[in-house]
């Protein structure tokens, strides 16, 4: 028995064993910055009867519903849908001069990057990409720099604004596109 233990200990301390002990095929765990939606995130359909729409949302995010409006929140990442009556379809000019101007009067640090027309399965939309500042943290008093995409589209006398927000530098392009393209009218 003592010979077996001595041989086992000798094998454990052998240089060949030490070199092959570290796995070479395993990858390090993926690390995501705050606000980044992981590539393996599950999305579930959310239907709002009052607003007349369905949109896919990140599973597990906190949801707040107020009539036709909904927001999904996880850390500093947020998806918000707001519905208002409107008979006028949005244009690049109206979103730049009206929608974003109103937004800039109620939020800090709004800096417009791009405003363009896009085609979604739910119809023509105007998407505005802009930076803004979050509300100050209650403990530190510091505000985070956010990147935002705001989709504005009309249907049957309603204007829907679909807004995505996350800390600047988050990699959410694919997730935001998936959610924007999932939007359907009911």
Protein backbone atom coordinates (compact mmCIF):
# COMPACT_ATOMS: atom_id res chain seq x y z
CA UNK A 1 0.00 0.00 0.00
CA UNK A 2 2.82 2.39 0.84
CA UNK A 3 4.46 1.66 -2.52
CA UNK A 4 1.23 2.57 -4.33
CA UNK A 5 1.00 5.93 -2.50
CA UNK A 6 4.67 6.65 -3.13
CA UNK A 7 4.30 5.86 -6.85
CA UNK A 8 1.13 7.98 -7.06
CA UNK A 9 2.86 10.92 -5.38
CA UNK A 10 5.85 10.52 -7.68
CA UNK A 11 3.55 10.61 -10.73
CA UNK A 12 1.77 13.73 -9.49
CA UNK A 13 5.03 15.60 -9.11
CA UNK A 14 6.42 14.46 -12.46
CA UNK A 15 7.08 17.32 -14.94
CA UNK A 16 5.14 15.56 -17.74
CA UNK A 17 2.01 15.51 -15.58
CA UNK A 18 2.36 19.16 -14.61
CA UNK A 19 2.55 20.18 -18.26
CA UNK A 20 -0.54 18.26 -19.30
CA UNK A 21 -2.62 19.07 -16.19
CA UNK A 22 -3.82 22.44 -17.51
CA UNK A 23 -6.71 22.01 -19.96
CA UNK A 24 -5.91 23.54 -23.30
CA UNK A 25 -9.27 23.17 -25.02
CA UNK A 26 -11.40 25.06 -22.48
CA UNK A 27 -12.16 28.71 -23.05
CA UNK A 28 -12.26 31.31 -20.33
CA UNK A 29 -15.77 32.26 -19.19
CA UNK A 30 -17.34 35.07 -21.17
CA UNK A 31 -17.33 38.40 -19.32
CA UNK A 32 -19.96 41.00 -20.22
CA UNK A 33 -19.81 44.68 -19.29
CA UNK A 34 -22.82 46.09 -17.42
CA UNK A 35 -25.67 46.57 -19.90
CA UNK A 36 -24.31 44.14 -22.49
CA UNK A 37 -26.86 41.55 -23.66
CA UNK A 38 -25.08 38.17 -23.96
CA UNK A 39 -25.19 36.37 -27.31
CA UNK A 40 -26.94 33.41 -25.66
CA UNK A 41 -29.74 35.56 -24.18
CA UNK A 42 -33.21 34.01 -24.57
CA UNK A 43 -35.99 36.23 -25.93
CA UNK A 44 -39.69 35.74 -25.27
CA UNK A 45 -42.66 37.36 -26.99
CA UNK A 46 -44.48 40.06 -25.04
CA UNK A 47 -47.98 41.06 -26.18
CA UNK A 48 -49.64 44.33 -25.17
CA UNK A 49 -53.36 44.34 -26.02
CA UNK A 50 -53.83 48.02 -25.06
CA UNK A 51 -51.04 49.09 -27.44
CA UNK A 52 -51.90 46.57 -30.14
CA UNK A 53 -48.38 45.18 -30.56
CA UNK A 54 -46.12 42.23 -29.83
CA UNK A 55 -42.35 42.47 -29.34
CA UNK A 56 -39.69 40.01 -28.21
CA UNK A 57 -38.00 40.90 -24.94
CA UNK A 58 -35.03 39.57 -22.99
CA UNK A 59 -36.13 36.76 -20.71
CA UNK A 60 -35.66 37.50 -17.02
CA UNK A 61 -35.59 41.29 -17.27
CA UNK A 62 -37.82 43.28 -14.89
CA UNK A 63 -41.02 44.38 -16.65
CA UNK A 64 -43.17 47.41 -15.87
CA UNK A 65 -46.46 47.86 -17.72
CA UNK A 66 -48.57 51.02 -17.76
CA UNK A 67 -51.45 50.60 -20.19
CA UNK A 68 -50.05 50.54 -23.73
CA UNK A 69 -46.50 51.26 -22.52
CA UNK A 70 -43.95 48.78 -21.22
CA UNK A 71 -40.32 48.82 -20.12
CA UNK A 72 -37.88 45.98 -19.58
CA UNK A 73 -34.89 46.70 -17.35
CA UNK A 74 -31.69 44.88 -16.41
CA UNK A 75 -28.94 46.81 -14.65
CA UNK A 76 -28.36 49.84 -16.93
CA UNK A 77 -29.87 48.21 -20.02
CA UNK A 78 -33.45 49.13 -20.89
CA UNK A 79 -36.00 48.49 -23.61
CA UNK A 80 -38.99 50.83 -23.54
CA UNK A 81 -42.13 50.94 -25.69
CA UNK A 82 -44.40 54.00 -25.60
CA UNK A 83 -47.60 54.34 -27.64
CA UNK A 84 -49.43 57.62 -28.30
CA UNK A 85 -52.22 58.63 -30.68
CA UNK A 86 -50.92 60.00 -34.00
CA UNK A 87 -52.18 60.15 -37.56
CA UNK A 88 -48.96 61.54 -39.03
CA UNK A 89 -46.25 59.13 -40.07
CA UNK A 90 -42.79 60.02 -38.73
CA UNK A 91 -40.12 61.35 -41.06
CA UNK A 92 -36.41 61.86 -40.59
CA UNK A 93 -37.08 65.61 -40.29
CA UNK A 94 -39.95 65.28 -37.78
CA UNK A 95 -38.01 62.86 -35.56
CA UNK A 96 -34.92 65.10 -35.62
CA UNK A 97 -36.76 68.39 -35.04
CA UNK A 98 -39.71 67.30 -32.87
CA UNK A 99 -39.16 63.94 -31.17
CA UNK A 100 -35.48 64.37 -30.33
CA UNK A 101 -35.89 68.05 -29.42
CA UNK A 102 -38.60 67.11 -26.91
CA UNK A 103 -36.41 64.29 -25.60
CA UNK A 104 -33.42 66.64 -25.19
CA UNK A 105 -35.53 69.01 -23.09
CA UNK A 106 -36.31 66.25 -20.57
CA UNK A 107 -33.01 64.28 -20.55
CA UNK A 108 -29.40 65.27 -19.99
CA UNK A 109 -26.54 65.05 -22.44
CA UNK A 110 -28.53 64.17 -25.58
CA UNK A 111 -26.17 64.09 -28.56
CA UNK A 112 -27.67 62.94 -31.87
CA UNK A 113 -25.47 60.62 -33.92
CA UNK A 114 -27.70 59.52 -36.83
CA UNK A 115 -31.34 59.71 -37.92
CA UNK A 116 -32.46 57.57 -40.86
CA UNK A 117 -35.44 55.74 -42.34
CA UNK A 118 -35.46 51.93 -42.09
CA UNK A 119 -37.82 49.18 -43.14
CA UNK A 120 -38.97 46.81 -40.42
CA UNK A 121 -41.39 43.89 -40.76
CA UNK A 122 -43.93 46.09 -38.90
CA UNK A 123 -43.52 48.90 -41.49
CA UNK A 124 -41.41 51.93 -42.29
CA UNK A 125 -39.73 53.48 -39.27
CA UNK A 126 -37.30 56.23 -38.45
CA UNK A 127 -34.42 55.21 -36.20
CA UNK A 128 -32.42 57.77 -34.27
CA UNK A 129 -29.13 56.80 -32.64
CA UNK A 130 -28.02 59.15 -29.88
CA UNK A 131 -26.06 59.38 -26.65
CA UNK A 132 -27.51 60.58 -23.35
CA UNK A 133 -26.80 60.55 -19.63
CA UNK A 134 -28.62 58.26 -17.21
CA UNK A 135 -30.30 59.59 -14.12
CA UNK A 136 -27.70 60.12 -11.38
CA UNK A 137 -27.00 57.10 -9.17
CA UNK A 138 -28.73 57.58 -5.80
CA UNK A 139 -25.58 56.61 -3.88
CA UNK A 140 -22.71 58.04 -5.93
CA UNK A 141 -24.51 60.90 -7.68
CA UNK A 142 -22.77 59.91 -10.93
CA UNK A 143 -24.56 59.53 -14.26
CA UNK A 144 -23.60 56.90 -16.84
CA UNK A 145 -23.10 57.71 -20.53
CA UNK A 146 -25.72 55.77 -22.49
CA UNK A 147 -26.08 54.87 -26.14
CA UNK A 148 -29.65 54.76 -27.45
CA UNK A 149 -31.55 53.64 -30.53
CA UNK A 150 -35.07 55.00 -30.88
CA UNK A 151 -37.41 53.52 -33.50
CA UNK A 152 -40.50 55.59 -34.33
CA UNK A 153 -43.33 54.20 -36.46
CA UNK A 154 -47.07 54.64 -36.96
CA UNK A 155 -49.93 52.24 -37.50
CA UNK A 156 -53.72 52.67 -37.37
CA UNK A 157 -53.68 56.07 -35.66
CA UNK A 158 -50.94 55.17 -33.16
CA UNK A 159 -47.31 56.17 -32.94
CA UNK A 160 -45.02 53.63 -31.31
CA UNK A 161 -41.60 54.55 -29.97
CA UNK A 162 -39.31 51.60 -29.29
CA UNK A 163 -36.23 52.71 -27.37
CA UNK A 164 -33.12 50.73 -26.51
CA UNK A 165 -30.61 52.11 -23.97
CA UNK A 166 -27.36 50.69 -22.57
CA UNK A 167 -24.04 51.99 -21.27
CA UNK A 168 -21.88 53.42 -24.05
CA UNK A 169 -19.69 50.69 -25.53
CA UNK A 170 -22.06 47.79 -24.86
CA UNK A 171 -22.30 45.29 -27.69
CA UNK A 172 -26.08 45.11 -28.19
CA UNK A 173 -26.43 45.65 -31.95
CA UNK A 174 -27.60 42.10 -32.70
CA UNK A 175 -30.02 41.91 -29.76
CA UNK A 176 -31.50 45.35 -30.49
CA UNK A 177 -31.96 44.46 -34.18
CA UNK A 178 -33.63 41.18 -33.22
CA UNK A 179 -36.08 42.95 -30.91
CA UNK A 180 -36.81 45.79 -33.37
CA UNK A 181 -37.45 43.28 -36.17
CA UNK A 182 -39.71 41.22 -33.86
CA UNK A 183 -42.20 44.08 -33.49
CA UNK A 184 -45.63 43.21 -34.89
CA UNK A 185 -48.97 45.01 -34.86
CA UNK A 186 -52.01 43.15 -33.53
